[in-house]
Amino acid sequence: MYILIGADQKEYGPVSAEQVRNWITQGRANGQTRARAEVGGDWKPLLDFPEFAGRLAGQFPATPLMPPKIAAADAERLAGEIIARDYRVDLGDCFSRSWSLVRDNFWLLVGATALVFVVRAGLGFLPILGIPTNVILGFALQ
């Protein structure tokens, strides 16, 4: 028999191992759900109970997924391919696209600028934190 802690932080149980397996199948419990044996067990994730390993298999990898490592030769080949690509920067096209974004989102930009102005003006009234907070937010928001 087992006692589990639900997502609402309430204890449920004691319940049988079969009931726990049903809850796993229903998605009501997973490998990270905290549980303990009814008689004097320590709280630990269901993933650490061997009796539930079969039901939890595939839900959580045993180790976190890591990106594949690239061998030095592959990294040099990839870098060479990237450098060999043809890039073209057209400043006129960049300015045209930026003006289109400003024109299409004009009122959103005006509203955001007004909101930032009001927040920074309000922070100016704080006695000690006003100026440093205003400077930091100035860099972040403007």
C-alpha atoms as a PDB file:
ATOM      1  CA  MET A   1       0.000   0.000   0.000  1.00  0.00           C
ATOM      2  CA  TYR A   2       1.204   3.503  -0.878  1.00  0.00           C
ATOM      3  CA  ILE A   3       0.484   7.097   0.039  1.00  0.00           C
ATOM      4  CA  LEU A   4       0.919   9.731  -2.693  1.00  0.00           C
ATOM      5  CA  ILE A   5       1.057  13.518  -2.687  1.00  0.00           C
ATOM      6  CA  GLY A   6      -1.149  14.938  -5.417  1.00  0.00           C
ATOM      7  CA  ALA A   7      -0.635  18.078  -7.470  1.00  0.00           C
ATOM      8  CA  ASP A   8      -2.823  19.874  -4.919  1.00  0.00           C
ATOM      9  CA  GLN A   9      -0.261  18.916  -2.220  1.00  0.00           C
ATOM     10  CA  LYS A  10      -2.778  16.677  -0.433  1.00  0.00           C
ATOM     11  CA  GLU A  11      -2.026  13.104   0.621  1.00  0.00           C
ATOM     12  CA  TYR A  12      -3.956  10.310  -1.088  1.00  0.00           C
ATOM     13  CA  GLY A  13      -4.048   6.776   0.157  1.00  0.00           C
ATOM     14  CA  PRO A  14      -3.280   4.299   1.307  1.00  0.00           C
ATOM     15  CA  VAL A  15      -3.871   2.797  -2.129  1.00  0.00           C
ATOM     16  CA  SER A  16      -2.728  -0.428  -3.715  1.00  0.00           C
ATOM     17  CA  ALA A  17       0.069  -0.695  -6.252  1.00  0.00           C
ATOM     18  CA  GLU A  18      -2.544  -1.526  -8.903  1.00  0.00           C
ATOM     19  CA  GLN A  19      -4.423   1.705  -8.133  1.00  0.00           C
ATOM     20  CA  VAL A  20      -1.168   3.670  -8.462  1.00  0.00           C
ATOM     21  CA  ARG A  21      -0.545   2.003 -11.845  1.00  0.00           C
ATOM     22  CA  ASN A  22      -4.077   3.009 -12.922  1.00  0.00           C
ATOM     23  CA  TRP A  23      -3.417   6.601 -11.864  1.00  0.00           C
ATOM     24  CA  ILE A  24      -0.201   6.594 -13.904  1.00  0.00           C
ATOM     25  CA  THR A  25      -2.103   5.302 -16.947  1.00  0.00           C
ATOM     26  CA  GLN A  26      -4.803   7.956 -16.454  1.00  0.00           C
ATOM     27  CA  GLY A  27      -2.176  10.707 -16.174  1.00  0.00           C
ATOM     28  CA  ARG A  28      -3.104  11.483 -12.565  1.00  0.00           C
ATOM     29  CA  ALA A  29       0.402  10.491 -11.421  1.00  0.00           C
ATOM     30  CA  ASN A  30       3.775  10.469 -13.124  1.00  0.00           C
ATOM     31  CA  GLY A  31       7.401   9.679 -12.359  1.00  0.00           C
ATOM     32  CA  GLN A  32       7.830  12.913 -10.388  1.00  0.00           C
ATOM     33  CA  THR A  33       4.828  12.296  -8.109  1.00  0.00           C
ATOM     34  CA  ARG A  34       6.027  11.976  -4.501  1.00  0.00           C
ATOM     35  CA  ALA A  35       5.045   8.754  -2.750  1.00  0.00           C
ATOM     36  CA  ARG A  36       5.988   6.504   0.137  1.00  0.00           C
ATOM     37  CA  ALA A  37       5.145   3.048   1.355  1.00  0.00           C
ATOM     38  CA  GLU A  38       2.332   3.064   3.884  1.00  0.00           C
ATOM     39  CA  VAL A  39       4.549   1.544   6.535  1.00  0.00           C
ATOM     40  CA  GLY A  40       7.479   3.824   7.337  1.00  0.00           C
ATOM     41  CA  GLY A  41       8.864   4.625   3.917  1.00  0.00           C
ATOM     42  CA  ASP A  42      10.622   7.814   2.859  1.00  0.00           C
ATOM     43  CA  TRP A  43       9.014  10.224   0.398  1.00  0.00           C
ATOM     44  CA  LYS A  44      10.506   9.761  -3.060  1.00  0.00           C
ATOM     45  CA  PRO A  45       9.393  10.075  -6.699  1.00  0.00           C
ATOM     46  CA  LEU A  46       7.435   7.184  -8.191  1.00  0.00           C
ATOM     47  CA  LEU A  47      10.264   6.857 -10.679  1.00  0.00           C
ATOM     48  CA  ASP A  48      12.393   5.445  -7.838  1.00  0.00           C
ATOM     49  CA  PHE A  49       9.956   2.591  -7.138  1.00  0.00           C
ATOM     50  CA  PRO A  50      10.932  -0.491  -9.199  1.00  0.00           C
ATOM     51  CA  GLU A  51       7.347  -1.812  -9.103  1.00  0.00           C
ATOM     52  CA  PHE A  52       6.188   1.143 -11.228  1.00  0.00           C
ATOM     53  CA  ALA A  53       9.121   1.240 -13.647  1.00  0.00           C
ATOM     54  CA  GLY A  54       7.266  -0.723 -16.316  1.00  0.00           C
ATOM     55  CA  ARG A  55       4.304   1.658 -16.308  1.00  0.00           C
ATOM     56  CA  LEU A  56       6.514   4.759 -16.196  1.00  0.00           C
ATOM     57  CA  ALA A  57       8.878   3.551 -18.946  1.00  0.00           C
ATOM     58  CA  GLY A  58       8.882   6.055 -21.762  1.00  0.00           C
ATOM     59  CA  GLN A  59       7.370   8.861 -19.689  1.00  0.00           C
ATOM     60  CA  PHE A  60      10.664  10.139 -18.340  1.00  0.00           C
ATOM     61  CA  PRO A  61      14.134   9.367 -19.657  1.00  0.00           C
ATOM     62  CA  ALA A  62      16.539   7.991 -17.066  1.00  0.00           C
ATOM     63  CA  THR A  63      18.961  10.795 -17.852  1.00  0.00           C
ATOM     64  CA  PRO A  64      18.222  14.210 -19.298  1.00  0.00           C
ATOM     65  CA  LEU A  65      18.434  14.381 -23.062  1.00  0.00           C
ATOM     66  CA  MET A  66      21.664  15.985 -24.165  1.00  0.00           C
ATOM     67  CA  PRO A  67      22.367  17.361 -27.627  1.00  0.00           C
ATOM     68  CA  PRO A  68      24.614  15.150 -29.707  1.00  0.00           C
ATOM     69  CA  LYS A  69      28.296  15.934 -29.529  1.00  0.00           C
ATOM     70  CA  ILE A  70      29.985  16.980 -32.762  1.00  0.00           C
ATOM     71  CA  ALA A  71      33.405  15.545 -33.480  1.00  0.00           C
ATOM     72  CA  ALA A  72      36.190  18.024 -34.271  1.00  0.00           C
ATOM     73  CA  ALA A  73      36.253  17.011 -37.939  1.00  0.00           C
ATOM     74  CA  ASP A  74      32.480  17.452 -38.234  1.00  0.00           C
ATOM     75  CA  ALA A  75      32.674  20.839 -36.498  1.00  0.00           C
ATOM     76  CA  GLU A  76      35.347  22.038 -38.945  1.00  0.00           C
ATOM     77  CA  ARG A  77      33.297  20.794 -41.909  1.00  0.00           C
ATOM     78  CA  LEU A  78      30.178  22.537 -40.576  1.00  0.00           C
ATOM     79  CA  ALA A  79      32.092  25.783 -39.999  1.00  0.00           C
ATOM     80  CA  GLY A  80      33.456  25.587 -43.541  1.00  0.00           C
ATOM     81  CA  GLU A  81      29.958  25.125 -44.970  1.00  0.00           C
ATOM     82  CA  ILE A  82      28.662  28.135 -43.055  1.00  0.00           C
ATOM     83  CA  ILE A  83      31.546  30.362 -44.135  1.00  0.00           C
ATOM     84  CA  ALA A  84      31.134  29.271 -47.767  1.00  0.00           C
ATOM     85  CA  ARG A  85      27.497  30.386 -47.918  1.00  0.00           C
ATOM     86  CA  ASP A  86      26.733  33.516 -49.880  1.00  0.00           C
ATOM     87  CA  TYR A  87      25.302  36.365 -47.834  1.00  0.00           C
ATOM     88  CA  ARG A  88      23.959  39.652 -49.154  1.00  0.00           C
ATOM     89  CA  VAL A  89      23.016  42.633 -46.996  1.00  0.00           C
ATOM     90  CA  ASP A  90      20.917  45.295 -48.708  1.00  0.00           C
ATOM     91  CA  LEU A  91      20.679  48.379 -46.472  1.00  0.00           C
ATOM     92  CA  GLY A  92      17.800  49.831 -48.481  1.00  0.00           C
ATOM     93  CA  ASP A  93      15.816  46.630 -47.954  1.00  0.00           C
ATOM     94  CA  CYS A  94      16.599  46.723 -44.189  1.00  0.00           C
ATOM     95  CA  PHE A  95      15.337  50.327 -43.871  1.00  0.00           C
ATOM     96  CA  SER A  96      12.269  49.517 -45.962  1.00  0.00           C
ATOM     97  CA  ARG A  97      11.366  46.534 -43.781  1.00  0.00           C
ATOM     98  CA  SER A  98      11.946  48.496 -40.554  1.00  0.00           C
ATOM     99  CA  TRP A  99       9.743  51.381 -41.751  1.00  0.00           C
ATOM    100  CA  SER A 100       7.013  48.886 -42.698  1.00  0.00           C
ATOM    101  CA  LEU A 101       7.153  47.421 -39.169  1.00  0.00           C
ATOM    102  CA  VAL A 102       6.880  50.886 -37.595  1.00  0.00           C
ATOM    103  CA  ARG A 103       3.997  51.851 -39.899  1.00  0.00           C
ATOM    104  CA  ASP A 104       2.111  48.578 -39.295  1.00  0.00           C
ATOM    105  CA  ASN A 105       2.573  48.699 -35.500  1.00  0.00           C
ATOM    106  CA  PHE A 106       2.495  52.453 -34.917  1.00  0.00           C
ATOM    107  CA  TRP A 107      -0.163  52.563 -32.157  1.00  0.00           C
ATOM    108  CA  LEU A 108       1.336  49.580 -30.386  1.00  0.00           C
ATOM    109  CA  LEU A 109       4.676  51.401 -30.292  1.00  0.00           C
ATOM    110  CA  VAL A 110       3.037  54.617 -29.069  1.00  0.00           C
ATOM    111  CA  GLY A 111       1.194  52.742 -26.310  1.00  0.00           C
ATOM    112  CA  ALA A 112       4.294  50.830 -25.217  1.00  0.00           C
ATOM    113  CA  THR A 113       6.359  54.020 -25.146  1.00  0.00           C
ATOM    114  CA  ALA A 114       3.697  55.802 -23.075  1.00  0.00           C
ATOM    115  CA  LEU A 115       3.517  52.868 -20.649  1.00  0.00           C
ATOM    116  CA  VAL A 116       7.308  52.847 -20.210  1.00  0.00           C
ATOM    117  CA  PHE A 117       7.261  56.613 -19.660  1.00  0.00           C
ATOM    118  CA  VAL A 118       4.563  56.325 -16.970  1.00  0.00           C
ATOM    119  CA  VAL A 119       6.355  53.458 -15.182  1.00  0.00           C
ATOM    120  CA  ARG A 120       9.685  55.279 -15.199  1.00  0.00           C
ATOM    121  CA  ALA A 121       8.081  58.540 -14.047  1.00  0.00           C
ATOM    122  CA  GLY A 122       6.350  56.708 -11.209  1.00  0.00           C
ATOM    123  CA  LEU A 123       9.594  55.082 -10.127  1.00  0.00           C
ATOM    124  CA  GLY A 124      11.242  58.501  -9.960  1.00  0.00           C
ATOM    125  CA  PHE A 125       9.238  59.218  -6.814  1.00  0.00           C
ATOM    126  CA  LEU A 126      10.784  56.342  -4.848  1.00  0.00           C
ATOM    127  CA  PRO A 127      13.297  57.853  -2.421  1.00  0.00           C
ATOM    128  CA  ILE A 128      16.278  55.494  -2.606  1.00  0.00           C
ATOM    129  CA  LEU A 129      15.559  52.960  -5.328  1.00  0.00           C
ATOM    130  CA  GLY A 130      14.039  55.401  -7.805  1.00  0.00           C
ATOM    131  CA  ILE A 131      17.132  56.515  -9.710  1.00  0.00           C
ATOM    132  CA  PRO A 132      18.968  53.140  -9.952  1.00  0.00           C
ATOM    133  CA  THR A 133      15.759  51.326 -10.866  1.00  0.00           C
ATOM    134  CA  ASN A 134      14.933  54.008 -13.426  1.00  0.00           C
ATOM    135  CA  VAL A 135      18.354  53.662 -15.043  1.00  0.00           C
ATOM    136  CA  ILE A 136      18.157  49.864 -15.178  1.00  0.00           C
ATOM    137  CA  LEU A 137      14.619  49.913 -16.554  1.00  0.00           C
ATOM    138  CA  GLY A 138      15.656  52.617 -19.002  1.00  0.00           C
ATOM    139  CA  PHE A 139      18.189  50.245 -20.534  1.00  0.00           C
ATOM    140  CA  ALA A 140      15.819  47.290 -20.504  1.00  0.00           C
ATOM    141  CA  LEU A 141      12.603  48.962 -21.683  1.00  0.00           C
ATOM    142  CA  GLN A 142      13.845  51.559 -24.142  1.00  0.00           C
END
